Amino acid sequence: MRPNTVRISAVDHAALSRMSTASGKSMAKILSEAVRELRRKRLLMETNEAYARLKADPLAWGEEIAERQIWESTLMDGLE
């Protein structure tokens, strides 16, 4: 993998360096973990916002509940 350069503040670099030393992980590994964690948090936040918008629309929310009930009936179809 070709390395890339990312500019960060001196304060963030110092924090990253301390985290690297404390954990025994490379700064690149810590940055990679942080990016993945932020991506997960944003996905969950966006999903929660989308569900809030869906719930705010009574017709759309009713359709969602109806579809869930249809899918729940498949749990008792005897298939594994």
N, C-alpha and C. Protein backbone atom coordinates (compact mmCIF):
# COMPACT_ATOMS: atom_id res chain seq x y z
N MET A 1 0.84 -1.17 0.00
CA MET A 1 0.00 0.00 0.00
C MET A 1 0.89 1.24 0.00
N ARG A 2 0.56 2.17 -0.85
CA ARG A 2 1.34 3.41 -0.95
C ARG A 2 0.93 4.34 0.18
N PRO A 3 1.90 4.81 0.96
CA PRO A 3 1.55 5.72 2.06
C PRO A 3 1.13 7.09 1.54
N ASN A 4 0.24 7.73 2.26
CA ASN A 4 -0.22 9.08 1.94
C ASN A 4 0.11 10.01 3.10
N THR A 5 0.18 11.27 2.79
CA THR A 5 0.47 12.26 3.81
C THR A 5 -0.81 13.01 4.15
N VAL A 6 -1.06 13.13 5.45
CA VAL A 6 -2.21 13.90 5.92
C VAL A 6 -1.67 14.90 6.93
N ARG A 7 -2.03 16.15 6.77
CA ARG A 7 -1.57 17.18 7.69
C ARG A 7 -2.54 17.28 8.86
N ILE A 8 -1.98 17.24 10.06
CA ILE A 8 -2.79 17.42 11.27
C ILE A 8 -2.09 18.46 12.14
N SER A 9 -2.84 18.99 13.08
CA SER A 9 -2.27 20.00 13.96
C SER A 9 -1.21 19.38 14.87
N ALA A 10 -0.36 20.22 15.40
CA ALA A 10 0.69 19.76 16.33
C ALA A 10 0.06 19.14 17.57
N VAL A 11 -1.03 19.72 18.03
CA VAL A 11 -1.73 19.18 19.21
C VAL A 11 -2.25 17.78 18.93
N ASP A 12 -2.88 17.59 17.76
CA ASP A 12 -3.39 16.27 17.41
C ASP A 12 -2.26 15.27 17.20
N HIS A 13 -1.16 15.72 16.61
CA HIS A 13 0.00 14.83 16.42
C HIS A 13 0.56 14.38 17.76
N ALA A 14 0.65 15.30 18.71
CA ALA A 14 1.16 14.95 20.04
C ALA A 14 0.24 13.93 20.71
N ALA A 15 -1.08 14.15 20.59
CA ALA A 15 -2.04 13.21 21.18
C ALA A 15 -1.92 11.85 20.51
N LEU A 16 -1.80 11.84 19.20
CA LEU A 16 -1.65 10.60 18.45
C LEU A 16 -0.37 9.87 18.85
N SER A 17 0.69 10.62 19.04
CA SER A 17 1.96 10.03 19.46
C SER A 17 1.85 9.40 20.85
N ARG A 18 1.18 10.11 21.76
CA ARG A 18 0.99 9.55 23.12
C ARG A 18 0.13 8.28 23.07
N MET A 19 -0.90 8.31 22.26
CA MET A 19 -1.76 7.12 22.13
C MET A 19 -0.98 5.95 21.54
N SER A 20 -0.12 6.25 20.59
CA SER A 20 0.70 5.21 19.98
C SER A 20 1.64 4.58 21.00
N THR A 21 2.29 5.43 21.76
CA THR A 21 3.21 4.94 22.78
C THR A 21 2.48 4.11 23.83
N ALA A 22 1.34 4.62 24.29
CA ALA A 22 0.58 3.93 25.35
C ALA A 22 0.02 2.59 24.88
N SER A 23 -0.39 2.52 23.62
CA SER A 23 -1.05 1.30 23.13
C SER A 23 -0.09 0.33 22.45
N GLY A 24 1.07 0.82 22.04
CA GLY A 24 2.00 -0.03 21.31
C GLY A 24 1.61 -0.20 19.85
N LYS A 25 0.61 0.58 19.41
CA LYS A 25 0.17 0.52 18.02
C LYS A 25 0.79 1.68 17.26
N SER A 26 0.93 1.48 15.97
CA SER A 26 1.48 2.57 15.15
C SER A 26 0.47 3.70 15.06
N MET A 27 0.97 4.89 14.76
CA MET A 27 0.06 6.03 14.59
C MET A 27 -0.88 5.77 13.42
N ALA A 28 -0.39 5.12 12.36
CA ALA A 28 -1.24 4.80 11.21
C ALA A 28 -2.38 3.87 11.62
N LYS A 29 -2.09 2.89 12.48
CA LYS A 29 -3.11 1.95 12.95
C LYS A 29 -4.16 2.69 13.78
N ILE A 30 -3.71 3.57 14.65
CA ILE A 30 -4.64 4.33 15.48
C ILE A 30 -5.52 5.22 14.61
N LEU A 31 -4.94 5.88 13.63
CA LEU A 31 -5.72 6.72 12.71
C LEU A 31 -6.74 5.88 11.95
N SER A 32 -6.32 4.72 11.49
CA SER A 32 -7.22 3.83 10.76
C SER A 32 -8.41 3.41 11.65
N GLU A 33 -8.13 3.06 12.89
CA GLU A 33 -9.19 2.69 13.82
C GLU A 33 -10.13 3.87 14.07
N ALA A 34 -9.56 5.05 14.19
CA ALA A 34 -10.38 6.25 14.44
C ALA A 34 -11.30 6.54 13.25
N VAL A 35 -10.78 6.37 12.05
CA VAL A 35 -11.59 6.60 10.85
C VAL A 35 -12.73 5.60 10.78
N ARG A 36 -12.44 4.33 11.05
CA ARG A 36 -13.49 3.30 11.03
C ARG A 36 -14.55 3.59 12.10
N GLU A 37 -14.11 3.99 13.29
CA GLU A 37 -15.05 4.30 14.38
C GLU A 37 -15.92 5.49 14.02
N LEU A 38 -15.34 6.53 13.45
CA LEU A 38 -16.12 7.69 13.05
C LEU A 38 -17.12 7.32 11.96
N ARG A 39 -16.70 6.49 11.03
CA ARG A 39 -17.60 6.04 9.97
C ARG A 39 -18.79 5.29 10.56
N ARG A 40 -18.55 4.39 11.53
CA ARG A 40 -19.63 3.65 12.19
C ARG A 40 -20.56 4.60 12.93
N LYS A 41 -19.99 5.56 13.67
CA LYS A 41 -20.81 6.52 14.42
C LYS A 41 -21.70 7.33 13.49
N ARG A 42 -21.13 7.77 12.38
CA ARG A 42 -21.92 8.56 11.42
C ARG A 42 -23.01 7.73 10.78
N LEU A 43 -22.71 6.48 10.46
CA LEU A 43 -23.72 5.59 9.89
C LEU A 43 -24.88 5.42 10.86
N LEU A 44 -24.57 5.18 12.13
CA LEU A 44 -25.63 5.03 13.13
C LEU A 44 -26.42 6.32 13.30
N MET A 45 -25.73 7.45 13.32
CA MET A 45 -26.40 8.73 13.46
C MET A 45 -27.33 8.97 12.28
N GLU A 46 -26.85 8.73 11.07
CA GLU A 46 -27.67 8.93 9.87
C GLU A 46 -28.85 7.97 9.84
N THR A 47 -28.63 6.74 10.30
CA THR A 47 -29.72 5.76 10.37
C THR A 47 -30.77 6.21 11.37
N ASN A 48 -30.33 6.67 12.53
CA ASN A 48 -31.28 7.16 13.54
C ASN A 48 -32.06 8.36 13.02
N GLU A 49 -31.40 9.25 12.32
CA GLU A 49 -32.09 10.42 11.75
C GLU A 49 -33.10 9.99 10.70
N ALA A 50 -32.75 9.01 9.89
CA ALA A 50 -33.67 8.52 8.85
C ALA A 50 -34.90 7.89 9.49
N TYR A 51 -34.70 7.10 10.56
CA TYR A 51 -35.84 6.51 11.25
C TYR A 51 -36.70 7.58 11.92
N ALA A 52 -36.08 8.61 12.44
CA ALA A 52 -36.85 9.71 13.05
C ALA A 52 -37.72 10.38 11.99
N ARG A 53 -37.17 10.60 10.80
CA ARG A 53 -37.96 11.19 9.72
C ARG A 53 -39.10 10.26 9.31
N LEU A 54 -38.80 8.96 9.25
CA LEU A 54 -39.82 7.98 8.90
C LEU A 54 -40.95 7.97 9.93
N LYS A 55 -40.57 7.98 11.21
CA LYS A 55 -41.58 7.97 12.28
C LYS A 55 -42.42 9.26 12.29
N ALA A 56 -41.85 10.34 11.81
CA ALA A 56 -42.56 11.62 11.79
C ALA A 56 -43.66 11.64 10.73
N ASP A 57 -43.61 10.71 9.79
CA ASP A 57 -44.62 10.61 8.73
C ASP A 57 -45.52 9.42 9.07
N PRO A 58 -46.72 9.68 9.61
CA PRO A 58 -47.59 8.58 10.06
C PRO A 58 -47.90 7.55 8.97
N LEU A 59 -48.12 7.98 7.75
CA LEU A 59 -48.42 7.04 6.67
C LEU A 59 -47.22 6.15 6.39
N ALA A 60 -46.06 6.75 6.23
CA ALA A 60 -44.84 5.98 5.94
C ALA A 60 -44.50 5.04 7.09
N TRP A 61 -44.67 5.51 8.33
CA TRP A 61 -44.36 4.66 9.49
C TRP A 61 -45.34 3.49 9.55
N GLY A 62 -46.60 3.73 9.24
CA GLY A 62 -47.58 2.65 9.20
C GLY A 62 -47.21 1.59 8.18
N GLU A 63 -46.74 2.03 7.03
CA GLU A 63 -46.29 1.08 6.00
C GLU A 63 -45.09 0.28 6.48
N GLU A 64 -44.20 0.93 7.18
CA GLU A 64 -43.02 0.24 7.72
C GLU A 64 -43.44 -0.85 8.72
N ILE A 65 -44.34 -0.50 9.61
CA ILE A 65 -44.81 -1.47 10.61
C ILE A 65 -45.52 -2.63 9.93
N ALA A 66 -46.35 -2.32 8.94
CA ALA A 66 -47.05 -3.38 8.21
C ALA A 66 -46.06 -4.33 7.54
N GLU A 67 -45.01 -3.79 6.95
CA GLU A 67 -44.02 -4.64 6.30
C GLU A 67 -43.27 -5.49 7.32
N ARG A 68 -42.97 -4.91 8.46
CA ARG A 68 -42.29 -5.68 9.52
C ARG A 68 -43.16 -6.86 9.96
N GLN A 69 -44.45 -6.63 10.08
CA GLN A 69 -45.36 -7.71 10.51
C GLN A 69 -45.38 -8.83 9.48
N ILE A 70 -45.33 -8.48 8.20
CA ILE A 70 -45.27 -9.50 7.16
C ILE A 70 -44.00 -10.33 7.30
N TRP A 71 -42.87 -9.67 7.50
CA TRP A 71 -41.60 -10.38 7.65
C TRP A 71 -41.56 -11.22 8.92
N GLU A 72 -42.18 -10.75 9.99
CA GLU A 72 -42.19 -11.51 11.24
C GLU A 72 -42.92 -12.84 11.07
N SER A 73 -43.90 -12.90 10.20
CA SER A 73 -44.63 -14.15 9.99
C SER A 73 -43.73 -15.21 9.37
N THR A 74 -42.66 -14.81 8.70
CA THR A 74 -41.76 -15.81 8.09
C THR A 74 -40.94 -16.53 9.15
N LEU A 75 -40.87 -15.99 10.35
CA LEU A 75 -40.10 -16.66 11.40
C LEU A 75 -40.77 -17.96 11.85
N MET A 76 -42.05 -18.12 11.58
CA MET A 76 -42.77 -19.31 12.00
C MET A 76 -43.11 -20.22 10.82
N ASP A 77 -42.34 -20.13 9.75
CA ASP A 77 -42.65 -20.93 8.57
C ASP A 77 -42.06 -22.34 8.63
N GLY A 78 -41.33 -22.64 9.70
CA GLY A 78 -40.75 -23.96 9.87
C GLY A 78 -39.47 -24.19 9.11
N LEU A 79 -39.02 -23.19 8.38
CA LEU A 79 -37.77 -23.34 7.62
C LEU A 79 -36.60 -22.86 8.46
N GLU A 80 -35.49 -23.51 8.30
CA GLU A 80 -34.32 -23.10 9.05
C GLU A 80 -33.20 -22.73 8.13
